[in-house]
Amino acid sequence: MKTLYVSDLDGTLLRSDETISQYTGEVMNRLTEQGMLFSYATARSYVTSKKVTKSIDAKIPLIVYNGALVIDNVTGQVLLSNFFGPEVKEVLDELIKNDIYPIVYAYIDGIEKFSYLEDQCTRGMTAFLNTRKGDERTNVVADEKQLYQGDIFYVTCIDEEEKLKPLYEKYKDKYHCVFERDIYTKEQWFEIMPANASKANAIRQLKEYLGCNKLVVFGDGKNDIDMFEMADECYAVENAVDELKALATKVIAGNNEDAVAKWLEKNYGGSK
């Protein structure tokens, strides 16, 4: 039986300081050298996920932006993309009408960019963008119209819960939406993706691409629910939200205790 192992990053494979321990790095590299098919599925971009996982040498496609893109970890080539159609204009119109100015991720002339209006940034947006200083994807725009440019695949809003909640309720059944507080800053996030952009859909495609017939996943947050529901085995770390623990095959140790690497070291058999 050929098994694909997929882990979330933040709060799961990563420790609370957004790092991977030396132990986890060594275990993951040793097992992948033995033939383990491992990937991660994250809300992060390819750029930032590569930075925090630089000690792991996984040579298969990686699932980023909650499944909006699947990118080859060796070449950086986009293998699978889920873009919005013209309907995203209505979403952006509605957000701006409600005084919500998002960070918009798009491919503009074939180059990945995230666009935002600097003078409309909330405290939470500013804190997030400060962690992306120097990022070549940064695209500060001069007016609202420029937020609409390019092939859009991800829209992020960081604002007050009472402002974002009505829009989440409006769009949650039409698009793939994530509404939760950031595990580091505790700021309220509302993320909107095309309906077919999800960790589960991207994993399904990756599983077929690699010819795997079994799926084992690890996670901690609400945005991991869809991949838990499709997995043969699913393991929630101790620090996971209760909704995910309720779906788990088993609850393992916490992310600060190298839980994923310890489980894999104990359970990966080489021929699985």
C-alpha atoms as a PDB file:
ATOM      1  CA  MET A   1       0.000   0.000   0.000  1.00  0.00           C
ATOM      2  CA  LYS A   2       1.362   3.401  -1.031  1.00  0.00           C
ATOM      3  CA  THR A   3       0.710   6.068   1.591  1.00  0.00           C
ATOM      4  CA  LEU A   4       0.812   9.844   1.351  1.00  0.00           C
ATOM      5  CA  TYR A   5       1.532  11.671   4.615  1.00  0.00           C
ATOM      6  CA  VAL A   6       0.437  15.303   4.812  1.00  0.00           C
ATOM      7  CA  SER A   7       0.900  17.713   7.712  1.00  0.00           C
ATOM      8  CA  ASP A   8      -0.323  21.209   8.398  1.00  0.00           C
ATOM      9  CA  LEU A   9       2.498  23.603   9.331  1.00  0.00           C
ATOM     10  CA  ASP A  10       1.584  26.285  11.878  1.00  0.00           C
ATOM     11  CA  GLY A  11       0.577  24.770  15.188  1.00  0.00           C
ATOM     12  CA  THR A  12       1.296  21.249  13.934  1.00  0.00           C
ATOM     13  CA  LEU A  13       4.687  20.586  12.355  1.00  0.00           C
ATOM     14  CA  LEU A  14       6.021  23.994  13.432  1.00  0.00           C
ATOM     15  CA  ARG A  15       6.647  24.858  17.043  1.00  0.00           C
ATOM     16  CA  SER A  16       4.955  27.883  18.575  1.00  0.00           C
ATOM     17  CA  ASP A  17       7.954  30.058  17.683  1.00  0.00           C
ATOM     18  CA  GLU A  18       7.403  29.204  13.996  1.00  0.00           C
ATOM     19  CA  THR A  19      10.471  26.957  13.786  1.00  0.00           C
ATOM     20  CA  ILE A  20      11.136  23.286  13.111  1.00  0.00           C
ATOM     21  CA  SER A  21      13.321  21.592  15.686  1.00  0.00           C
ATOM     22  CA  GLN A  22      16.570  19.900  14.736  1.00  0.00           C
ATOM     23  CA  TYR A  23      15.030  16.576  15.735  1.00  0.00           C
ATOM     24  CA  THR A  24      11.993  16.999  13.469  1.00  0.00           C
ATOM     25  CA  GLY A  25      14.186  18.089  10.562  1.00  0.00           C
ATOM     26  CA  GLU A  26      16.465  15.082  10.952  1.00  0.00           C
ATOM     27  CA  VAL A  27      13.582  12.616  11.250  1.00  0.00           C
ATOM     28  CA  MET A  28      11.699  13.989   8.267  1.00  0.00           C
ATOM     29  CA  ASN A  29      14.789  13.972   6.055  1.00  0.00           C
ATOM     30  CA  ARG A  30      15.770  10.455   7.073  1.00  0.00           C
ATOM     31  CA  LEU A  31      12.291   9.068   6.432  1.00  0.00           C
ATOM     32  CA  THR A  32      11.866  10.829   3.091  1.00  0.00           C
ATOM     33  CA  GLU A  33      15.259   9.449   2.038  1.00  0.00           C
ATOM     34  CA  GLN A  34      13.869   6.008   2.899  1.00  0.00           C
ATOM     35  CA  GLY A  35      10.989   6.647   0.528  1.00  0.00           C
ATOM     36  CA  MET A  36       8.266   8.222   2.677  1.00  0.00           C
ATOM     37  CA  LEU A  37       5.945  10.359   0.563  1.00  0.00           C
ATOM     38  CA  PHE A  38       5.511  13.480   2.654  1.00  0.00           C
ATOM     39  CA  SER A  39       4.067  16.877   1.897  1.00  0.00           C
ATOM     40  CA  TYR A  40       2.574  19.742   3.832  1.00  0.00           C
ATOM     41  CA  ALA A  41      -0.663  21.644   3.340  1.00  0.00           C
ATOM     42  CA  THR A  42      -0.611  25.165   4.688  1.00  0.00           C
ATOM     43  CA  ALA A  43      -2.341  28.525   4.567  1.00  0.00           C
ATOM     44  CA  ARG A  44       1.099  30.046   4.084  1.00  0.00           C
ATOM     45  CA  SER A  45       2.510  31.042   0.732  1.00  0.00           C
ATOM     46  CA  TYR A  46       5.233  29.024  -0.966  1.00  0.00           C
ATOM     47  CA  VAL A  47       7.755  31.760  -0.130  1.00  0.00           C
ATOM     48  CA  THR A  48       7.116  31.868   3.622  1.00  0.00           C
ATOM     49  CA  SER A  49       6.536  28.128   4.003  1.00  0.00           C
ATOM     50  CA  LYS A  50       9.897  27.441   2.348  1.00  0.00           C
ATOM     51  CA  LYS A  51      11.591  29.767   4.826  1.00  0.00           C
ATOM     52  CA  VAL A  52      10.234  28.017   7.914  1.00  0.00           C
ATOM     53  CA  THR A  53      10.771  24.504   6.496  1.00  0.00           C
ATOM     54  CA  LYS A  54      14.245  25.044   5.041  1.00  0.00           C
ATOM     55  CA  SER A  55      15.622  22.188   7.176  1.00  0.00           C
ATOM     56  CA  ILE A  56      13.228  19.717   5.496  1.00  0.00           C
ATOM     57  CA  ASP A  57      14.196  18.447   2.060  1.00  0.00           C
ATOM     58  CA  ALA A  58      10.858  17.218   0.693  1.00  0.00           C
ATOM     59  CA  LYS A  59      11.065  16.818  -3.077  1.00  0.00           C
ATOM     60  CA  ILE A  60       7.380  16.466  -3.917  1.00  0.00           C
ATOM     61  CA  PRO A  61       4.669  19.072  -4.595  1.00  0.00           C
ATOM     62  CA  LEU A  62       3.619  21.287  -1.703  1.00  0.00           C
ATOM     63  CA  ILE A  63       0.101  22.557  -0.996  1.00  0.00           C
ATOM     64  CA  VAL A  64       0.027  26.268  -0.155  1.00  0.00           C
ATOM     65  CA  TYR A  65      -2.550  29.014   0.322  1.00  0.00           C
ATOM     66  CA  ASN A  66      -4.980  26.454   1.815  1.00  0.00           C
ATOM     67  CA  GLY A  67      -4.969  24.504  -1.454  1.00  0.00           C
ATOM     68  CA  ALA A  68      -5.281  27.394  -3.903  1.00  0.00           C
ATOM     69  CA  LEU A  69      -1.897  26.433  -5.371  1.00  0.00           C
ATOM     70  CA  VAL A  70       0.200  23.273  -5.568  1.00  0.00           C
ATOM     71  CA  ILE A  71       3.864  24.043  -6.248  1.00  0.00           C
ATOM     72  CA  ASP A  72       6.833  21.818  -7.072  1.00  0.00           C
ATOM     73  CA  ASN A  73       9.241  22.031  -4.148  1.00  0.00           C
ATOM     74  CA  VAL A  74      12.310  21.646  -6.363  1.00  0.00           C
ATOM     75  CA  THR A  75      11.592  23.964  -9.292  1.00  0.00           C
ATOM     76  CA  GLY A  76       9.070  26.346  -7.746  1.00  0.00           C
ATOM     77  CA  GLN A  77       6.767  25.699 -10.697  1.00  0.00           C
ATOM     78  CA  VAL A  78       3.007  26.027 -10.156  1.00  0.00           C
ATOM     79  CA  LEU A  79       1.547  22.590 -10.908  1.00  0.00           C
ATOM     80  CA  LEU A  80      -2.058  23.322  -9.998  1.00  0.00           C
ATOM     81  CA  SER A  81      -3.831  26.633  -9.605  1.00  0.00           C
ATOM     82  CA  ASN A  82      -7.340  27.629  -8.619  1.00  0.00           C
ATOM     83  CA  PHE A  83      -8.141  31.185  -9.667  1.00  0.00           C
ATOM     84  CA  PHE A  84     -11.278  33.235  -9.181  1.00  0.00           C
ATOM     85  CA  GLY A  85     -13.319  34.162 -12.222  1.00  0.00           C
ATOM     86  CA  PRO A  86     -14.939  37.575 -12.825  1.00  0.00           C
ATOM     87  CA  GLU A  87     -17.161  36.951  -9.777  1.00  0.00           C
ATOM     88  CA  VAL A  88     -14.345  38.069  -7.466  1.00  0.00           C
ATOM     89  CA  LYS A  89     -15.153  41.668  -8.439  1.00  0.00           C
ATOM     90  CA  GLU A  90     -18.454  41.383  -6.557  1.00  0.00           C
ATOM     91  CA  VAL A  91     -16.602  40.132  -3.472  1.00  0.00           C
ATOM     92  CA  LEU A  92     -14.091  42.977  -3.536  1.00  0.00           C
ATOM     93  CA  ASP A  93     -16.865  45.502  -4.160  1.00  0.00           C
ATOM     94  CA  GLU A  94     -18.764  44.231  -1.121  1.00  0.00           C
ATOM     95  CA  LEU A  95     -15.701  44.239   1.128  1.00  0.00           C
ATOM     96  CA  ILE A  96     -14.752  47.797   0.212  1.00  0.00           C
ATOM     97  CA  LYS A  97     -18.364  48.972   0.554  1.00  0.00           C
ATOM     98  CA  ASN A  98     -18.190  47.715   4.143  1.00  0.00           C
ATOM     99  CA  ASP A  99     -14.907  49.540   4.800  1.00  0.00           C
ATOM    100  CA  ILE A 100     -12.867  46.327   4.666  1.00  0.00           C
ATOM    101  CA  TYR A 101      -9.690  46.622   2.614  1.00  0.00           C
ATOM    102  CA  PRO A 102      -8.144  43.215   1.935  1.00  0.00           C
ATOM    103  CA  ILE A 103      -4.749  41.915   0.935  1.00  0.00           C
ATOM    104  CA  VAL A 104      -5.291  40.476  -2.533  1.00  0.00           C
ATOM    105  CA  TYR A 105      -3.067  37.687  -3.855  1.00  0.00           C
ATOM    106  CA  ALA A 106      -2.833  37.375  -7.628  1.00  0.00           C
ATOM    107  CA  TYR A 107      -0.599  36.579 -10.541  1.00  0.00           C
ATOM    108  CA  ILE A 108      -0.039  39.894 -12.312  1.00  0.00           C
ATOM    109  CA  ASP A 109       1.635  39.499 -15.708  1.00  0.00           C
ATOM    110  CA  GLY A 110       2.634  35.999 -14.619  1.00  0.00           C
ATOM    111  CA  ILE A 111       4.293  37.102 -11.374  1.00  0.00           C
ATOM    112  CA  GLU A 112       2.863  36.415  -7.921  1.00  0.00           C
ATOM    113  CA  LYS A 113       2.036  39.572  -5.965  1.00  0.00           C
ATOM    114  CA  PHE A 114       0.053  40.558  -2.885  1.00  0.00           C
ATOM    115  CA  SER A 115      -1.594  43.964  -3.226  1.00  0.00           C
ATOM    116  CA  TYR A 116      -2.906  46.311  -0.563  1.00  0.00           C
ATOM    117  CA  LEU A 117      -3.707  49.941   0.161  1.00  0.00           C
ATOM    118  CA  GLU A 118      -1.158  51.106   2.701  1.00  0.00           C
ATOM    119  CA  ASP A 119      -3.290  53.941   4.090  1.00  0.00           C
ATOM    120  CA  GLN A 120      -6.189  51.537   4.754  1.00  0.00           C
ATOM    121  CA  CYS A 121      -4.261  48.938   6.743  1.00  0.00           C
ATOM    122  CA  THR A 122      -5.698  47.827  10.069  1.00  0.00           C
ATOM    123  CA  ARG A 123      -3.477  47.150  13.057  1.00  0.00           C
ATOM    124  CA  GLY A 124      -3.587  43.450  12.273  1.00  0.00           C
ATOM    125  CA  MET A 125      -2.701  43.988   8.616  1.00  0.00           C
ATOM    126  CA  THR A 126       0.218  46.213   9.560  1.00  0.00           C
ATOM    127  CA  ALA A 127       1.548  43.609  11.993  1.00  0.00           C
ATOM    128  CA  PHE A 128       1.264  40.905   9.339  1.00  0.00           C
ATOM    129  CA  LEU A 129       2.851  43.019   6.603  1.00  0.00           C
ATOM    130  CA  ASN A 130       5.733  43.933   8.913  1.00  0.00           C
ATOM    131  CA  THR A 131       6.652  40.243   8.907  1.00  0.00           C
ATOM    132  CA  ARG A 132       6.806  40.357   5.089  1.00  0.00           C
ATOM    133  CA  LYS A 133       9.141  43.340   4.722  1.00  0.00           C
ATOM    134  CA  GLY A 134      11.468  42.841   1.787  1.00  0.00           C
ATOM    135  CA  ASP A 135       9.190  40.240   0.209  1.00  0.00           C
ATOM    136  CA  GLU A 136       9.447  40.577  -3.575  1.00  0.00           C
ATOM    137  CA  ARG A 137       5.713  39.864  -3.899  1.00  0.00           C
ATOM    138  CA  THR A 138       4.810  43.141  -2.140  1.00  0.00           C
ATOM    139  CA  ASN A 139       2.638  45.420  -4.266  1.00  0.00           C
ATOM    140  CA  VAL A 140       1.488  48.632  -2.575  1.00  0.00           C
ATOM    141  CA  VAL A 141      -1.274  50.101  -4.738  1.00  0.00           C
ATOM    142  CA  ALA A 142      -2.384  53.698  -5.121  1.00  0.00           C
ATOM    143  CA  ASP A 143      -6.142  53.181  -5.334  1.00  0.00           C
ATOM    144  CA  GLU A 144      -8.903  50.614  -4.863  1.00  0.00           C
ATOM    145  CA  LYS A 145      -9.137  49.779  -8.574  1.00  0.00           C
ATOM    146  CA  GLN A 146      -5.628  48.324  -8.524  1.00  0.00           C
ATOM    147  CA  LEU A 147      -6.730  45.675  -6.026  1.00  0.00           C
ATOM    148  CA  TYR A 148      -8.700  44.071  -8.868  1.00  0.00           C
ATOM    149  CA  GLN A 149      -5.766  43.439 -11.193  1.00  0.00           C
ATOM    150  CA  GLY A 150      -4.355  40.086 -12.275  1.00  0.00           C
ATOM    151  CA  ASP A 151      -5.515  36.511 -11.807  1.00  0.00           C
ATOM    152  CA  ILE A 152      -6.743  36.543  -8.200  1.00  0.00           C
ATOM    153  CA  PHE A 153      -6.613  33.368  -6.135  1.00  0.00           C
ATOM    154  CA  TYR A 154      -6.695  34.461  -2.474  1.00  0.00           C
ATOM    155  CA  VAL A 155      -8.227  37.332  -0.510  1.00  0.00           C
ATOM    156  CA  THR A 156      -7.226  37.999   3.093  1.00  0.00           C
ATOM    157  CA  CYS A 157      -9.049  40.360   5.474  1.00  0.00           C
ATOM    158  CA  ILE A 158      -7.632  41.157   8.937  1.00  0.00           C
ATOM    159  CA  ASP A 159     -10.043  43.339  10.894  1.00  0.00           C
ATOM    160  CA  GLU A 160     -12.520  43.394  13.768  1.00  0.00           C
ATOM    161  CA  GLU A 161     -14.659  40.290  14.167  1.00  0.00           C
ATOM    162  CA  GLU A 162     -17.930  42.233  14.113  1.00  0.00           C
ATOM    163  CA  LYS A 163     -17.039  43.759  10.744  1.00  0.00           C
ATOM    164  CA  LEU A 164     -15.913  40.506   9.158  1.00  0.00           C
ATOM    165  CA  LYS A 165     -18.514  38.083  10.489  1.00  0.00           C
ATOM    166  CA  PRO A 166     -21.462  39.272   8.321  1.00  0.00           C
ATOM    167  CA  LEU A 167     -19.334  38.932   5.173  1.00  0.00           C
ATOM    168  CA  TYR A 168     -18.222  35.471   6.224  1.00  0.00           C
ATOM    169  CA  GLU A 169     -21.867  34.461   6.676  1.00  0.00           C
ATOM    170  CA  LYS A 170     -22.685  35.878   3.255  1.00  0.00           C
ATOM    171  CA  TYR A 171     -19.938  34.058   1.367  1.00  0.00           C
ATOM    172  CA  LYS A 172     -19.190  30.897   3.349  1.00  0.00           C
ATOM    173  CA  ASP A 173     -21.503  28.719   1.230  1.00  0.00           C
ATOM    174  CA  LYS A 174     -20.421  30.215  -2.096  1.00  0.00           C
ATOM    175  CA  TYR A 175     -16.634  30.185  -1.699  1.00  0.00           C
ATOM    176  CA  HIS A 176     -14.062  28.364   0.389  1.00  0.00           C
ATOM    177  CA  CYS A 177     -13.848  30.637   3.422  1.00  0.00           C
ATOM    178  CA  VAL A 178     -11.772  30.443   6.578  1.00  0.00           C
ATOM    179  CA  PHE A 179     -12.813  32.530   9.588  1.00  0.00           C
ATOM    180  CA  GLU A 180     -10.533  32.200  12.613  1.00  0.00           C
ATOM    181  CA  ARG A 181      -8.076  34.026  14.829  1.00  0.00           C
ATOM    182  CA  ASP A 182      -4.396  33.875  14.023  1.00  0.00           C
ATOM    183  CA  ILE A 183      -2.674  31.486  16.427  1.00  0.00           C
ATOM    184  CA  TYR A 184       0.218  33.905  16.966  1.00  0.00           C
ATOM    185  CA  THR A 185      -1.283  37.411  17.010  1.00  0.00           C
ATOM    186  CA  LYS A 186      -4.886  36.489  17.925  1.00  0.00           C
ATOM    187  CA  GLU A 187      -6.103  38.907  15.244  1.00  0.00           C
ATOM    188  CA  GLN A 188      -9.325  37.983  13.431  1.00  0.00           C
ATOM    189  CA  TRP A 189      -8.769  36.710   9.887  1.00  0.00           C
ATOM    190  CA  PHE A 190     -11.294  36.143   7.129  1.00  0.00           C
ATOM    191  CA  GLU A 191      -9.885  34.426   4.053  1.00  0.00           C
ATOM    192  CA  ILE A 192     -11.746  33.850   0.794  1.00  0.00           C
ATOM    193  CA  MET A 193     -10.707  31.407  -1.923  1.00  0.00           C
ATOM    194  CA  PRO A 194     -12.408  29.897  -4.966  1.00  0.00           C
ATOM    195  CA  ALA A 195     -14.860  27.152  -4.016  1.00  0.00           C
ATOM    196  CA  ASN A 196     -12.649  24.406  -5.434  1.00  0.00           C
ATOM    197  CA  ALA A 197      -9.557  25.668  -3.598  1.00  0.00           C
ATOM    198  CA  SER A 198      -9.169  23.619  -0.436  1.00  0.00           C
ATOM    199  CA  LYS A 199      -6.596  21.474   1.278  1.00  0.00           C
ATOM    200  CA  ALA A 200      -8.788  18.432   0.644  1.00  0.00           C
ATOM    201  CA  ASN A 201      -9.113  19.013  -3.111  1.00  0.00           C
ATOM    202  CA  ALA A 202      -5.401  19.705  -3.508  1.00  0.00           C
ATOM    203  CA  ILE A 203      -4.515  16.599  -1.488  1.00  0.00           C
ATOM    204  CA  ARG A 204      -6.910  14.522  -3.556  1.00  0.00           C
ATOM    205  CA  GLN A 205      -5.171  15.643  -6.725  1.00  0.00           C
ATOM    206  CA  LEU A 206      -1.714  15.135  -5.236  1.00  0.00           C
ATOM    207  CA  LYS A 207      -2.650  11.672  -4.017  1.00  0.00           C
ATOM    208  CA  GLU A 208      -3.750  10.721  -7.536  1.00  0.00           C
ATOM    209  CA  TYR A 209      -0.652  12.342  -9.070  1.00  0.00           C
ATOM    210  CA  LEU A 210       1.626  10.232  -6.836  1.00  0.00           C
ATOM    211  CA  GLY A 211      -0.419   7.057  -7.229  1.00  0.00           C
ATOM    212  CA  CYS A 212      -1.126   6.702  -3.506  1.00  0.00           C
ATOM    213  CA  ASN A 213      -4.050   4.686  -2.147  1.00  0.00           C
ATOM    214  CA  LYS A 214      -3.862   5.730   1.518  1.00  0.00           C
ATOM    215  CA  LEU A 215      -3.789   9.127   3.201  1.00  0.00           C
ATOM    216  CA  VAL A 216      -2.562  10.012   6.702  1.00  0.00           C
ATOM    217  CA  VAL A 217      -2.843  13.639   7.852  1.00  0.00           C
ATOM    218  CA  PHE A 218      -1.891  15.802  10.840  1.00  0.00           C
ATOM    219  CA  GLY A 219      -3.391  19.137  11.882  1.00  0.00           C
ATOM    220  CA  ASP A 220      -4.489  21.583  14.548  1.00  0.00           C
ATOM    221  CA  GLY A 221      -6.968  24.111  13.154  1.00  0.00           C
ATOM    222  CA  LYS A 222     -10.403  24.555  11.632  1.00  0.00           C
ATOM    223  CA  ASN A 223      -8.886  24.866   8.168  1.00  0.00           C
ATOM    224  CA  ASP A 224      -7.681  21.261   8.538  1.00  0.00           C
ATOM    225  CA  ILE A 225     -11.208  19.856   8.921  1.00  0.00           C
ATOM    226  CA  ASP A 226     -11.706  19.146   5.220  1.00  0.00           C
ATOM    227  CA  MET A 227      -8.516  17.096   4.945  1.00  0.00           C
ATOM    228  CA  PHE A 228      -9.368  15.218   8.162  1.00  0.00           C
ATOM    229  CA  GLU A 229     -12.740  14.265   6.714  1.00  0.00           C
ATOM    230  CA  MET A 230     -11.151  12.716   3.601  1.00  0.00           C
ATOM    231  CA  ALA A 231      -8.201  10.938   5.277  1.00  0.00           C
ATOM    232  CA  ASP A 232      -7.864   7.251   6.102  1.00  0.00           C
ATOM    233  CA  GLU A 233      -6.150   8.251   9.351  1.00  0.00           C
ATOM    234  CA  CYS A 234      -6.056  11.715  10.897  1.00  0.00           C
ATOM    235  CA  TYR A 235      -4.101  12.852  13.940  1.00  0.00           C
ATOM    236  CA  ALA A 236      -4.764  16.058  15.865  1.00  0.00           C
ATOM    237  CA  VAL A 237      -2.001  17.544  17.999  1.00  0.00           C
ATOM    238  CA  GLU A 238      -2.833  18.187  21.638  1.00  0.00           C
ATOM    239  CA  ASN A 239      -3.078  21.949  21.036  1.00  0.00           C
ATOM    240  CA  ALA A 240      -5.662  21.489  18.252  1.00  0.00           C
ATOM    241  CA  VAL A 241      -9.137  23.010  18.343  1.00  0.00           C
ATOM    242  CA  ASP A 242     -11.860  20.801  19.801  1.00  0.00           C
ATOM    243  CA  GLU A 243     -13.688  20.493  16.452  1.00  0.00           C
ATOM    244  CA  LEU A 244     -10.626  18.825  14.929  1.00  0.00           C
ATOM    245  CA  LYS A 245      -9.974  16.583  17.917  1.00  0.00           C
ATOM    246  CA  ALA A 246     -13.529  15.268  17.579  1.00  0.00           C
ATOM    247  CA  LEU A 247     -12.719  14.063  14.053  1.00  0.00           C
ATOM    248  CA  ALA A 248      -9.292  12.622  14.834  1.00  0.00           C
ATOM    249  CA  THR A 249      -8.301   8.974  14.719  1.00  0.00           C
ATOM    250  CA  LYS A 250      -6.212   9.878  17.771  1.00  0.00           C
ATOM    251  CA  VAL A 251      -4.945  12.957  19.588  1.00  0.00           C
ATOM    252  CA  ILE A 252      -1.150  12.961  19.783  1.00  0.00           C
ATOM    253  CA  ALA A 253       1.289  15.176  21.709  1.00  0.00           C
ATOM    254  CA  GLY A 254       1.538  18.929  21.111  1.00  0.00           C
ATOM    255  CA  ASN A 255       3.354  20.812  18.364  1.00  0.00           C
ATOM    256  CA  ASN A 256       6.079  21.904  20.791  1.00  0.00           C
ATOM    257  CA  GLU A 257       6.847  18.255  21.515  1.00  0.00           C
ATOM    258  CA  ASP A 258       7.681  17.213  17.934  1.00  0.00           C
ATOM    259  CA  ALA A 259       4.496  15.143  17.851  1.00  0.00           C
ATOM    260  CA  VAL A 260       4.318  14.612  14.083  1.00  0.00           C
ATOM    261  CA  ALA A 261       7.953  13.543  13.718  1.00  0.00           C
ATOM    262  CA  LYS A 262       7.705  11.217  16.726  1.00  0.00           C
ATOM    263  CA  TRP A 263       4.553   9.584  15.330  1.00  0.00           C
ATOM    264  CA  LEU A 264       6.155   9.103  11.920  1.00  0.00           C
ATOM    265  CA  GLU A 265       9.400   7.769  13.371  1.00  0.00           C
ATOM    266  CA  LYS A 266       7.411   5.191  15.330  1.00  0.00           C
ATOM    267  CA  ASN A 267       4.846   4.268  12.665  1.00  0.00           C
ATOM    268  CA  TYR A 268       6.426   4.699   9.236  1.00  0.00           C
ATOM    269  CA  GLY A 269       7.497   1.274   8.040  1.00  0.00           C
ATOM    270  CA  GLY A 270       9.312   2.048   4.810  1.00  0.00           C
ATOM    271  CA  SER A 271       7.063  -0.026   2.584  1.00  0.00           C
ATOM    272  CA  LYS A 272       3.785   1.623   3.524  1.00  0.00           C
END
